[in-house]
Amino acid sequence: MLMQSVHYMFSTEDGDKAEAILRELREASRAEPGVLAFEVARSQDDPGAFALYEAYKDKAALEAHGKTEHFDRLVVNGIRKLARQRNAVTGAPI
């Protein structure tokens, strides 16, 4: 299993738009066969801050996720263009 934690920062003005995109991404990602978990949280203190928790069956599943139509549309051409900052950590459980 591989786990990934991604933190995004958006301007306050883009927070609601980012939330809508991330909700759609969550639902599409959960339907992928190798995705074990895909959760999205919005900060209660900062409406522009979001955290994603993702778990994949293996490296192949993570790579397949990055090649989906919804990843390209919602991540590459969506939230990454809106984001002010993105930090990601990918690793295996210890």
PDB file of N, CA and C in Angstrom:
ATOM      1  N   MET A   1       0.848  -1.180   0.000  1.00  0.00           N
ATOM      2  CA  MET A   1       0.000   0.000   0.000  1.00  0.00           C
ATOM      3  C   MET A   1       0.891   1.240   0.000  1.00  0.00           C
ATOM      4  N   LEU A   2       0.418   2.277  -0.720  1.00  0.00           N
ATOM      5  CA  LEU A   2       1.057   3.586  -0.703  1.00  0.00           C
ATOM      6  C   LEU A   2       0.051   4.604  -0.191  1.00  0.00           C
ATOM      7  N   MET A   3       0.552   5.521   0.617  1.00  0.00           N
ATOM      8  CA  MET A   3      -0.292   6.588   1.138  1.00  0.00           C
ATOM      9  C   MET A   3       0.266   7.917   0.665  1.00  0.00           C
ATOM     10  N   GLN A   4      -0.630   8.846   0.424  1.00  0.00           N
ATOM     11  CA  GLN A   4      -0.213  10.168  -0.012  1.00  0.00           C
ATOM     12  C   GLN A   4      -1.003  11.213   0.761  1.00  0.00           C
ATOM     13  N   SER A   5      -0.294  12.217   1.239  1.00  0.00           N
ATOM     14  CA  SER A   5      -0.904  13.353   1.914  1.00  0.00           C
ATOM     15  C   SER A   5      -0.564  14.596   1.099  1.00  0.00           C
ATOM     16  N   VAL A   6      -1.588  15.338   0.716  1.00  0.00           N
ATOM     17  CA  VAL A   6      -1.379  16.535  -0.098  1.00  0.00           C
ATOM     18  C   VAL A   6      -2.082  17.697   0.587  1.00  0.00           C
ATOM     19  N   HIS A   7      -1.352  18.794   0.743  1.00  0.00           N
ATOM     20  CA  HIS A   7      -1.924  20.009   1.328  1.00  0.00           C
ATOM     21  C   HIS A   7      -1.899  21.095   0.267  1.00  0.00           C
ATOM     22  N   TYR A   8      -3.034  21.743   0.099  1.00  0.00           N
ATOM     23  CA  TYR A   8      -3.169  22.840  -0.861  1.00  0.00           C
ATOM     24  C   TYR A   8      -3.552  24.114  -0.126  1.00  0.00           C
ATOM     25  N   MET A   9      -3.040  25.234  -0.616  1.00  0.00           N
ATOM     26  CA  MET A   9      -3.437  26.557  -0.154  1.00  0.00           C
ATOM     27  C   MET A   9      -3.972  27.320  -1.358  1.00  0.00           C
ATOM     28  N   PHE A  10      -5.170  27.880  -1.190  1.00  0.00           N
ATOM     29  CA  PHE A  10      -5.810  28.689  -2.221  1.00  0.00           C
ATOM     30  C   PHE A  10      -6.119  30.059  -1.639  1.00  0.00           C
ATOM     31  N   SER A  11      -6.328  31.027  -2.503  1.00  0.00           N
ATOM     32  CA  SER A  11      -6.793  32.320  -2.008  1.00  0.00           C
ATOM     33  C   SER A  11      -8.192  32.118  -1.436  1.00  0.00           C
ATOM     34  N   THR A  12      -8.569  32.964  -0.523  1.00  0.00           N
ATOM     35  CA  THR A  12      -9.898  32.868   0.083  1.00  0.00           C
ATOM     36  C   THR A  12     -10.980  32.939  -0.996  1.00  0.00           C
ATOM     37  N   GLU A  13     -10.760  33.754  -2.005  1.00  0.00           N
ATOM     38  CA  GLU A  13     -11.734  33.908  -3.085  1.00  0.00           C
ATOM     39  C   GLU A  13     -11.917  32.623  -3.889  1.00  0.00           C
ATOM     40  N   ASP A  14     -10.885  31.787  -3.958  1.00  0.00           N
ATOM     41  CA  ASP A  14     -10.949  30.550  -4.737  1.00  0.00           C
ATOM     42  C   ASP A  14     -11.326  29.329  -3.904  1.00  0.00           C
ATOM     43  N   GLY A  15     -11.536  29.512  -2.595  1.00  0.00           N
ATOM     44  CA  GLY A  15     -11.810  28.383  -1.712  1.00  0.00           C
ATOM     45  C   GLY A  15     -13.034  27.568  -2.105  1.00  0.00           C
ATOM     46  N   ASP A  16     -14.139  28.231  -2.404  1.00  0.00           N
ATOM     47  CA  ASP A  16     -15.357  27.495  -2.753  1.00  0.00           C
ATOM     48  C   ASP A  16     -15.212  26.781  -4.092  1.00  0.00           C
ATOM     49  N   LYS A  17     -14.551  27.409  -5.041  1.00  0.00           N
ATOM     50  CA  LYS A  17     -14.309  26.769  -6.341  1.00  0.00           C
ATOM     51  C   LYS A  17     -13.417  25.545  -6.155  1.00  0.00           C
ATOM     52  N   ALA A  18     -12.378  25.676  -5.338  1.00  0.00           N
ATOM     53  CA  ALA A  18     -11.484  24.549  -5.067  1.00  0.00           C
ATOM     54  C   ALA A  18     -12.252  23.413  -4.399  1.00  0.00           C
ATOM     55  N   GLU A  19     -13.131  23.744  -3.455  1.00  0.00           N
ATOM     56  CA  GLU A  19     -13.917  22.713  -2.784  1.00  0.00           C
ATOM     57  C   GLU A  19     -14.777  21.935  -3.786  1.00  0.00           C
ATOM     58  N   ALA A  20     -15.403  22.619  -4.697  1.00  0.00           N
ATOM     59  CA  ALA A  20     -16.244  21.946  -5.694  1.00  0.00           C
ATOM     60  C   ALA A  20     -15.416  21.001  -6.566  1.00  0.00           C
ATOM     61  N   ILE A  21     -14.253  21.450  -6.978  1.00  0.00           N
ATOM     62  CA  ILE A  21     -13.373  20.614  -7.798  1.00  0.00           C
ATOM     63  C   ILE A  21     -12.897  19.405  -6.998  1.00  0.00           C
ATOM     64  N   LEU A  22     -12.504  19.621  -5.758  1.00  0.00           N
ATOM     65  CA  LEU A  22     -12.001  18.526  -4.926  1.00  0.00           C
ATOM     66  C   LEU A  22     -13.092  17.516  -4.586  1.00  0.00           C
ATOM     67  N   ARG A  23     -14.320  17.965  -4.431  1.00  0.00           N
ATOM     68  CA  ARG A  23     -15.433  17.028  -4.215  1.00  0.00           C
ATOM     69  C   ARG A  23     -15.603  16.119  -5.433  1.00  0.00           C
ATOM     70  N   GLU A  24     -15.560  16.717  -6.612  1.00  0.00           N
ATOM     71  CA  GLU A  24     -15.684  15.920  -7.841  1.00  0.00           C
ATOM     72  C   GLU A  24     -14.508  14.960  -7.981  1.00  0.00           C
ATOM     73  N   LEU A  25     -13.307  15.431  -7.678  1.00  0.00           N
ATOM     74  CA  LEU A  25     -12.120  14.574  -7.740  1.00  0.00           C
ATOM     75  C   LEU A  25     -12.240  13.413  -6.767  1.00  0.00           C
ATOM     76  N   ARG A  26     -12.704  13.687  -5.556  1.00  0.00           N
ATOM     77  CA  ARG A  26     -12.870  12.632  -4.561  1.00  0.00           C
ATOM     78  C   ARG A  26     -13.796  11.529  -5.071  1.00  0.00           C
ATOM     79  N   GLU A  27     -14.934  11.915  -5.597  1.00  0.00           N
ATOM     80  CA  GLU A  27     -15.897  10.914  -6.056  1.00  0.00           C
ATOM     81  C   GLU A  27     -15.354  10.106  -7.233  1.00  0.00           C
ATOM     82  N   ALA A  28     -14.718  10.761  -8.184  1.00  0.00           N
ATOM     83  CA  ALA A  28     -14.158  10.050  -9.344  1.00  0.00           C
ATOM     84  C   ALA A  28     -13.011   9.140  -8.922  1.00  0.00           C
ATOM     85  N   SER A  29     -12.181   9.601  -8.007  1.00  0.00           N
ATOM     86  CA  SER A  29     -11.020   8.817  -7.568  1.00  0.00           C
ATOM     87  C   SER A  29     -11.450   7.584  -6.787  1.00  0.00           C
ATOM     88  N   ARG A  30     -12.468   7.716  -5.964  1.00  0.00           N
ATOM     89  CA  ARG A  30     -12.954   6.572  -5.181  1.00  0.00           C
ATOM     90  C   ARG A  30     -13.471   5.442  -6.072  1.00  0.00           C
ATOM     91  N   ALA A  31     -13.850   5.762  -7.292  1.00  0.00           N
ATOM     92  CA  ALA A  31     -14.360   4.747  -8.220  1.00  0.00           C
ATOM     93  C   ALA A  31     -13.239   3.972  -8.913  1.00  0.00           C
ATOM     94  N   GLU A  32     -11.996   4.425  -8.775  1.00  0.00           N
ATOM     95  CA  GLU A  32     -10.866   3.726  -9.405  1.00  0.00           C
ATOM     96  C   GLU A  32     -10.590   2.419  -8.655  1.00  0.00           C
ATOM     97  N   PRO A  33     -10.285   1.338  -9.386  1.00  0.00           N
ATOM     98  CA  PRO A  33     -10.104   0.039  -8.732  1.00  0.00           C
ATOM     99  C   PRO A  33      -8.956  -0.034  -7.729  1.00  0.00           C
ATOM    100  N   GLY A  34      -7.880   0.709  -7.913  1.00  0.00           N
ATOM    101  CA  GLY A  34      -6.738   0.624  -7.010  1.00  0.00           C
ATOM    102  C   GLY A  34      -6.739   1.622  -5.872  1.00  0.00           C
ATOM    103  N   VAL A  35      -7.775   2.445  -5.791  1.00  0.00           N
ATOM    104  CA  VAL A  35      -7.859   3.456  -4.728  1.00  0.00           C
ATOM    105  C   VAL A  35      -8.538   2.842  -3.505  1.00  0.00           C
ATOM    106  N   LEU A  36      -7.818   2.804  -2.391  1.00  0.00           N
ATOM    107  CA  LEU A  36      -8.343   2.251  -1.144  1.00  0.00           C
ATOM    108  C   LEU A  36      -9.063   3.311  -0.317  1.00  0.00           C
ATOM    109  N   ALA A  37      -8.594   4.550  -0.408  1.00  0.00           N
ATOM    110  CA  ALA A  37      -9.222   5.659   0.325  1.00  0.00           C
ATOM    111  C   ALA A  37      -8.867   6.962  -0.371  1.00  0.00           C
ATOM    112  N   PHE A  38      -9.785   7.899  -0.316  1.00  0.00           N
ATOM    113  CA  PHE A  38      -9.544   9.223  -0.872  1.00  0.00           C
ATOM    114  C   PHE A  38     -10.433  10.190  -0.096  1.00  0.00           C
ATOM    115  N   GLU A  39      -9.819  10.951   0.792  1.00  0.00           N
ATOM    116  CA  GLU A  39     -10.551  11.876   1.662  1.00  0.00           C
ATOM    117  C   GLU A  39     -10.060  13.303   1.437  1.00  0.00           C
ATOM    118  N   VAL A  40     -10.960  14.240   1.584  1.00  0.00           N
ATOM    119  CA  VAL A  40     -10.632  15.659   1.437  1.00  0.00           C
ATOM    120  C   VAL A  40     -11.180  16.397   2.653  1.00  0.00           C
ATOM    121  N   ALA A  41     -10.366  17.269   3.225  1.00  0.00           N
ATOM    122  CA  ALA A  41     -10.807  18.087   4.356  1.00  0.00           C
ATOM    123  C   ALA A  41     -10.497  19.551   4.079  1.00  0.00           C
ATOM    124  N   ARG A  42     -11.395  20.411   4.528  1.00  0.00           N
ATOM    125  CA  ARG A  42     -11.189  21.861   4.425  1.00  0.00           C
ATOM    126  C   ARG A  42     -10.980  22.398   5.831  1.00  0.00           C
ATOM    127  N   SER A  43      -9.990  23.228   5.988  1.00  0.00           N
ATOM    128  CA  SER A  43      -9.678  23.798   7.294  1.00  0.00           C
ATOM    129  C   SER A  43     -10.852  24.602   7.841  1.00  0.00           C
ATOM    130  N   GLN A  44     -11.083  24.459   9.123  1.00  0.00           N
ATOM    131  CA  GLN A  44     -12.105  25.268   9.785  1.00  0.00           C
ATOM    132  C   GLN A  44     -11.576  26.653  10.128  1.00  0.00           C
ATOM    133  N   ASP A  45     -10.258  26.793  10.163  1.00  0.00           N
ATOM    134  CA  ASP A  45      -9.633  28.074  10.519  1.00  0.00           C
ATOM    135  C   ASP A  45      -9.260  28.916   9.310  1.00  0.00           C
ATOM    136  N   ASP A  46      -8.976  28.264   8.187  1.00  0.00           N
ATOM    137  CA  ASP A  46      -8.537  28.956   6.979  1.00  0.00           C
ATOM    138  C   ASP A  46      -9.294  28.368   5.793  1.00  0.00           C
ATOM    139  N   PRO A  47     -10.277  29.083   5.246  1.00  0.00           N
ATOM    140  CA  PRO A  47     -11.115  28.536   4.178  1.00  0.00           C
ATOM    141  C   PRO A  47     -10.377  28.272   2.870  1.00  0.00           C
ATOM    142  N   GLY A  48      -9.115  28.676   2.786  1.00  0.00           N
ATOM    143  CA  GLY A  48      -8.325  28.413   1.592  1.00  0.00           C
ATOM    144  C   GLY A  48      -7.398  27.222   1.745  1.00  0.00           C
ATOM    145  N   ALA A  49      -7.439  26.545   2.890  1.00  0.00           N
ATOM    146  CA  ALA A  49      -6.529  25.422   3.159  1.00  0.00           C
ATOM    147  C   ALA A  49      -7.284  24.096   3.093  1.00  0.00           C
ATOM    148  N   PHE A  50      -6.716  23.148   2.342  1.00  0.00           N
ATOM    149  CA  PHE A  50      -7.308  21.829   2.168  1.00  0.00           C
ATOM    150  C   PHE A  50      -6.246  20.756   2.379  1.00  0.00           C
ATOM    151  N   ALA A  51      -6.679  19.609   2.875  1.00  0.00           N
ATOM    152  CA  ALA A  51      -5.788  18.458   3.040  1.00  0.00           C
ATOM    153  C   ALA A  51      -6.445  17.252   2.379  1.00  0.00           C
ATOM    154  N   LEU A  52      -5.652  16.506   1.622  1.00  0.00           N
ATOM    155  CA  LEU A  52      -6.112  15.279   0.991  1.00  0.00           C
ATOM    156  C   LEU A  52      -5.353  14.109   1.588  1.00  0.00           C
ATOM    157  N   TYR A  53      -6.076  13.030   1.867  1.00  0.00           N
ATOM    158  CA  TYR A  53      -5.466  11.785   2.316  1.00  0.00           C
ATOM    159  C   TYR A  53      -5.861  10.741   1.288  1.00  0.00           C
ATOM    160  N   GLU A  54      -4.858  10.113   0.694  1.00  0.00           N
ATOM    161  CA  GLU A  54      -5.102   9.132  -0.352  1.00  0.00           C
ATOM    162  C   GLU A  54      -4.365   7.841  -0.015  1.00  0.00           C
ATOM    163  N   ALA A  55      -4.993   6.711  -0.294  1.00  0.00           N
ATOM    164  CA  ALA A  55      -4.344   5.408  -0.106  1.00  0.00           C
ATOM    165  C   ALA A  55      -4.580   4.582  -1.366  1.00  0.00           C
ATOM    166  N   TYR A  56      -3.505   3.984  -1.841  1.00  0.00           N
ATOM    167  CA  TYR A  56      -3.532   3.206  -3.074  1.00  0.00           C
ATOM    168  C   TYR A  56      -3.052   1.786  -2.802  1.00  0.00           C
ATOM    169  N   LYS A  57      -3.596   0.853  -3.559  1.00  0.00           N
ATOM    170  CA  LYS A  57      -3.231  -0.552  -3.402  1.00  0.00           C
ATOM    171  C   LYS A  57      -1.725  -0.745  -3.580  1.00  0.00           C
ATOM    172  N   ASP A  58      -1.149  -0.072  -4.575  1.00  0.00           N
ATOM    173  CA  ASP A  58       0.276  -0.210  -4.874  1.00  0.00           C
ATOM    174  C   ASP A  58       0.719   0.942  -5.776  1.00  0.00           C
ATOM    175  N   LYS A  59       1.975   0.913  -6.170  1.00  0.00           N
ATOM    176  CA  LYS A  59       2.529   1.980  -7.017  1.00  0.00           C
ATOM    177  C   LYS A  59       1.811   2.051  -8.353  1.00  0.00           C
ATOM    178  N   ALA A  60       1.452   0.902  -8.906  1.00  0.00           N
ATOM    179  CA  ALA A  60       0.744   0.873 -10.192  1.00  0.00           C
ATOM    180  C   ALA A  60      -0.599   1.600 -10.087  1.00  0.00           C
ATOM    181  N   ALA A  61      -1.279   1.443  -8.964  1.00  0.00           N
ATOM    182  CA  ALA A  61      -2.571   2.120  -8.773  1.00  0.00           C
ATOM    183  C   ALA A  61      -2.386   3.635  -8.680  1.00  0.00           C
ATOM    184  N   LEU A  62      -1.343   4.075  -7.995  1.00  0.00           N
ATOM    185  CA  LEU A  62      -1.049   5.505  -7.910  1.00  0.00           C
ATOM    186  C   LEU A  62      -0.722   6.064  -9.289  1.00  0.00           C
ATOM    187  N   GLU A  63       0.080   5.337 -10.047  1.00  0.00           N
ATOM    188  CA  GLU A  63       0.430   5.779 -11.402  1.00  0.00           C
ATOM    189  C   GLU A  63      -0.796   5.805 -12.308  1.00  0.00           C
ATOM    190  N   ALA A  64      -1.671   4.824 -12.182  1.00  0.00           N
ATOM    191  CA  ALA A  64      -2.901   4.784 -12.982  1.00  0.00           C
ATOM    192  C   ALA A  64      -3.794   5.979 -12.644  1.00  0.00           C
ATOM    193  N   HIS A  65      -3.853   6.345 -11.368  1.00  0.00           N
ATOM    194  CA  HIS A  65      -4.641   7.505 -10.940  1.00  0.00           C
ATOM    195  C   HIS A  65      -4.179   8.758 -11.675  1.00  0.00           C
ATOM    196  N   GLY A  66      -2.877   8.929 -11.788  1.00  0.00           N
ATOM    197  CA  GLY A  66      -2.328  10.107 -12.453  1.00  0.00           C
ATOM    198  C   GLY A  66      -2.541  10.137 -13.949  1.00  0.00           C
ATOM    199  N   LYS A  67      -3.019   9.051 -14.519  1.00  0.00           N
ATOM    200  CA  LYS A  67      -3.248   8.973 -15.963  1.00  0.00           C
ATOM    201  C   LYS A  67      -4.731   9.023 -16.329  1.00  0.00           C
ATOM    202  N   THR A  68      -5.594   9.225 -15.341  1.00  0.00           N
ATOM    203  CA  THR A  68      -7.027   9.251 -15.622  1.00  0.00           C
ATOM    204  C   THR A  68      -7.449  10.587 -16.228  1.00  0.00           C
ATOM    205  N   GLU A  69      -8.562  10.554 -16.915  1.00  0.00           N
ATOM    206  CA  GLU A  69      -9.126  11.767 -17.507  1.00  0.00           C
ATOM    207  C   GLU A  69      -9.476  12.769 -16.412  1.00  0.00           C
ATOM    208  N   HIS A  70     -10.060  12.282 -15.324  1.00  0.00           N
ATOM    209  CA  HIS A  70     -10.465  13.215 -14.271  1.00  0.00           C
ATOM    210  C   HIS A  70      -9.262  13.835 -13.565  1.00  0.00           C
ATOM    211  N   PHE A  71      -8.143  13.129 -13.452  1.00  0.00           N
ATOM    212  CA  PHE A  71      -6.945  13.718 -12.856  1.00  0.00           C
ATOM    213  C   PHE A  71      -6.436  14.863 -13.729  1.00  0.00           C
ATOM    214  N   ASP A  72      -6.379  14.620 -15.020  1.00  0.00           N
ATOM    215  CA  ASP A  72      -5.906  15.661 -15.937  1.00  0.00           C
ATOM    216  C   ASP A  72      -6.829  16.881 -15.899  1.00  0.00           C
ATOM    217  N   ARG A  73      -8.118  16.640 -15.934  1.00  0.00           N
ATOM    218  CA  ARG A  73      -9.091  17.735 -15.978  1.00  0.00           C
ATOM    219  C   ARG A  73      -9.190  18.469 -14.644  1.00  0.00           C
ATOM    220  N   LEU A  74      -9.283  17.734 -13.552  1.00  0.00           N
ATOM    221  CA  LEU A  74      -9.549  18.357 -12.255  1.00  0.00           C
ATOM    222  C   LEU A  74      -8.299  18.763 -11.480  1.00  0.00           C
ATOM    223  N   VAL A  75      -7.199  18.045 -11.695  1.00  0.00           N
ATOM    224  CA  VAL A  75      -5.968  18.355 -10.961  1.00  0.00           C
ATOM    225  C   VAL A  75      -5.028  19.194 -11.823  1.00  0.00           C
ATOM    226  N   VAL A  76      -4.538  18.608 -12.897  1.00  0.00           N
ATOM    227  CA  VAL A  76      -3.547  19.306 -13.727  1.00  0.00           C
ATOM    228  C   VAL A  76      -4.101  20.618 -14.276  1.00  0.00           C
ATOM    229  N   ASN A  77      -5.321  20.572 -14.808  1.00  0.00           N
ATOM    230  CA  ASN A  77      -5.909  21.765 -15.416  1.00  0.00           C
ATOM    231  C   ASN A  77      -6.948  22.434 -14.523  1.00  0.00           C
ATOM    232  N   GLY A  78      -7.004  22.027 -13.263  1.00  0.00           N
ATOM    233  CA  GLY A  78      -7.973  22.585 -12.322  1.00  0.00           C
ATOM    234  C   GLY A  78      -7.303  23.147 -11.086  1.00  0.00           C
ATOM    235  N   ILE A  79      -7.228  22.318 -10.034  1.00  0.00           N
ATOM    236  CA  ILE A  79      -6.775  22.844  -8.749  1.00  0.00           C
ATOM    237  C   ILE A  79      -5.314  23.292  -8.741  1.00  0.00           C
ATOM    238  N   ARG A  80      -4.472  22.624  -9.513  1.00  0.00           N
ATOM    239  CA  ARG A  80      -3.056  23.064  -9.507  1.00  0.00           C
ATOM    240  C   ARG A  80      -2.898  24.454 -10.094  1.00  0.00           C
ATOM    241  N   LYS A  81      -3.761  24.830 -11.016  1.00  0.00           N
ATOM    242  CA  LYS A  81      -3.688  26.174 -11.586  1.00  0.00           C
ATOM    243  C   LYS A  81      -4.237  27.226 -10.616  1.00  0.00           C
ATOM    244  N   LEU A  82      -5.155  26.815  -9.754  1.00  0.00           N
ATOM    245  CA  LEU A  82      -5.712  27.736  -8.760  1.00  0.00           C
ATOM    246  C   LEU A  82      -4.843  27.866  -7.516  1.00  0.00           C
ATOM    247  N   ALA A  83      -4.107  26.808  -7.213  1.00  0.00           N
ATOM    248  CA  ALA A  83      -3.390  26.724  -5.937  1.00  0.00           C
ATOM    249  C   ALA A  83      -2.271  27.750  -5.826  1.00  0.00           C
ATOM    250  N   ARG A  84      -2.146  28.296  -4.634  1.00  0.00           N
ATOM    251  CA  ARG A  84      -1.016  29.167  -4.316  1.00  0.00           C
ATOM    252  C   ARG A  84       0.182  28.330  -3.856  1.00  0.00           C
ATOM    253  N   GLN A  85      -0.137  27.195  -3.234  1.00  0.00           N
ATOM    254  CA  GLN A  85       0.920  26.325  -2.702  1.00  0.00           C
ATOM    255  C   GLN A  85       0.405  24.894  -2.672  1.00  0.00           C
ATOM    256  N   ARG A  86       1.327  23.941  -2.903  1.00  0.00           N
ATOM    257  CA  ARG A  86       1.006  22.522  -2.844  1.00  0.00           C
ATOM    258  C   ARG A  86       2.186  21.796  -2.212  1.00  0.00           C
ATOM    259  N   ASN A  87       1.902  20.979  -1.210  1.00  0.00           N
ATOM    260  CA  ASN A  87       2.923  20.130  -0.582  1.00  0.00           C
ATOM    261  C   ASN A  87       2.391  18.716  -0.545  1.00  0.00           C
ATOM    262  N   ALA A  88       3.222  17.766  -0.984  1.00  0.00           N
ATOM    263  CA  ALA A  88       2.788  16.369  -1.017  1.00  0.00           C
ATOM    264  C   ALA A  88       3.858  15.460  -0.452  1.00  0.00           C
ATOM    265  N   VAL A  89       3.399  14.424   0.248  1.00  0.00           N
ATOM    266  CA  VAL A  89       4.281  13.389   0.766  1.00  0.00           C
ATOM    267  C   VAL A  89       3.666  12.050   0.380  1.00  0.00           C
ATOM    268  N   THR A  90       4.476  11.192  -0.231  1.00  0.00           N
ATOM    269  CA  THR A  90       4.027   9.852  -0.595  1.00  0.00           C
ATOM    270  C   THR A  90       4.943   8.843   0.102  1.00  0.00           C
ATOM    271  N   GLY A  91       4.332   7.824   0.702  1.00  0.00           N
ATOM    272  CA  GLY A  91       5.151   6.833   1.388  1.00  0.00           C
ATOM    273  C   GLY A  91       4.373   5.565   1.653  1.00  0.00           C
ATOM    274  N   ALA A  92       5.090   4.603   2.176  1.00  0.00           N
ATOM    275  CA  ALA A  92       4.498   3.317   2.551  1.00  0.00           C
ATOM    276  C   ALA A  92       4.333   3.261   4.057  1.00  0.00           C
ATOM    277  N   PRO A  93       3.304   2.575   4.533  1.00  0.00           N
ATOM    278  CA  PRO A  93       3.117   2.461   5.980  1.00  0.00           C
ATOM    279  C   PRO A  93       4.342   1.802   6.639  1.00  0.00           C
ATOM    280  N   ILE A  94       4.624   2.197   7.844  1.00  0.00           N
ATOM    281  CA  ILE A  94       5.758   1.613   8.560  1.00  0.00           C
ATOM    282  C   ILE A  94       5.269   0.735   9.699  1.00  0.00           C
TER     283      ILE A  94
END
